[in-house]
């Protein structure tokens, strides 16, 4: 999963897709925070990465809903 994220980051940079690039950077930031947190054993698992992505999607949806009101 991390390899795919890194490859997607490179592709977004090459294609100058700023929204996609910023989104991937945000995901990478949260992964790095998880991996460096106290009590974590190092590399994030695919399940942990998916949990982070799902959390960010939910936050985005909630923010969009709040903005509509």
Protein backbone atom coordinates (compact mmCIF):
# COMPACT_ATOMS: atom_id res chain seq x y z
CA UNK A 1 0.00 0.00 0.00
CA UNK A 2 2.81 2.42 0.87
CA UNK A 3 4.51 1.68 -2.45
CA UNK A 4 1.32 2.51 -4.33
CA UNK A 5 0.95 5.76 -2.41
CA UNK A 6 4.55 6.71 -3.23
CA UNK A 7 4.06 5.87 -6.91
CA UNK A 8 0.82 7.87 -7.01
CA UNK A 9 2.66 10.79 -5.41
CA UNK A 10 5.33 10.72 -8.13
CA UNK A 11 2.70 10.50 -10.86
CA UNK A 12 0.77 13.44 -9.41
CA UNK A 13 3.97 15.49 -9.27
CA UNK A 14 4.85 14.69 -12.89
CA UNK A 15 1.34 15.49 -14.10
CA UNK A 16 1.10 18.64 -11.95
CA UNK A 17 -2.14 17.48 -10.32
CA UNK A 18 -2.10 19.76 -7.29
CA UNK A 19 -5.29 18.55 -5.61
CA UNK A 20 -4.27 14.90 -5.90
CA UNK A 21 -0.72 15.73 -4.79
CA UNK A 22 -1.91 17.60 -1.70
CA UNK A 23 -4.29 14.78 -0.80
CA UNK A 24 -1.58 12.12 -1.07
CA UNK A 25 0.81 14.26 0.97
CA UNK A 26 -1.83 14.55 3.69
CA UNK A 27 -2.28 10.77 3.77
CA UNK A 28 1.50 10.29 3.95
CA UNK A 29 1.67 12.76 6.85
CA UNK A 30 -0.86 10.80 8.87
CA UNK A 31 0.94 7.52 8.09
CA UNK A 32 4.23 9.00 9.25
CA UNK A 33 2.61 10.29 12.44
CA UNK A 34 1.26 6.81 13.14
CA UNK A 35 4.62 5.15 12.48
CA UNK A 36 6.49 7.54 14.78
CA UNK A 37 3.91 7.50 17.58
CA UNK A 38 4.79 6.08 20.96
CA UNK A 39 3.97 2.40 21.22
CA UNK A 40 3.90 1.74 17.48
CA UNK A 41 6.33 -0.83 16.13
CA UNK A 42 7.41 0.98 12.94
CA UNK A 43 5.86 0.30 9.54
CA UNK A 44 2.12 0.83 9.18
CA UNK A 45 0.14 -2.15 7.96
CA UNK A 46 -2.23 -1.98 5.01
CA UNK A 47 -5.16 -2.21 7.43
CA UNK A 48 -3.86 0.77 9.42
CA UNK A 49 -3.36 2.77 6.23
CA UNK A 50 -6.91 1.98 5.08
CA UNK A 51 -8.20 3.05 8.49
CA UNK A 52 -6.41 6.39 8.08
CA UNK A 53 -7.79 6.88 4.57
CA UNK A 54 -11.34 6.02 5.68
CA UNK A 55 -11.02 8.47 8.57
CA UNK A 56 -9.90 11.25 6.23
CA UNK A 57 -12.73 10.52 3.78
CA UNK A 58 -15.26 10.69 6.62
CA UNK A 59 -13.78 13.99 7.82
CA UNK A 60 -13.99 15.39 4.30
CA UNK A 61 -17.62 14.37 3.94
CA UNK A 62 -18.47 15.83 7.34
CA UNK A 63 -16.72 19.09 6.47
CA UNK A 64 -18.55 19.31 3.13
CA UNK A 65 -21.86 18.72 4.90
CA UNK A 66 -21.10 21.43 7.46
CA UNK A 67 -20.15 23.82 4.67
CA UNK A 68 -23.50 23.25 2.92
CA UNK A 69 -25.39 24.36 6.02
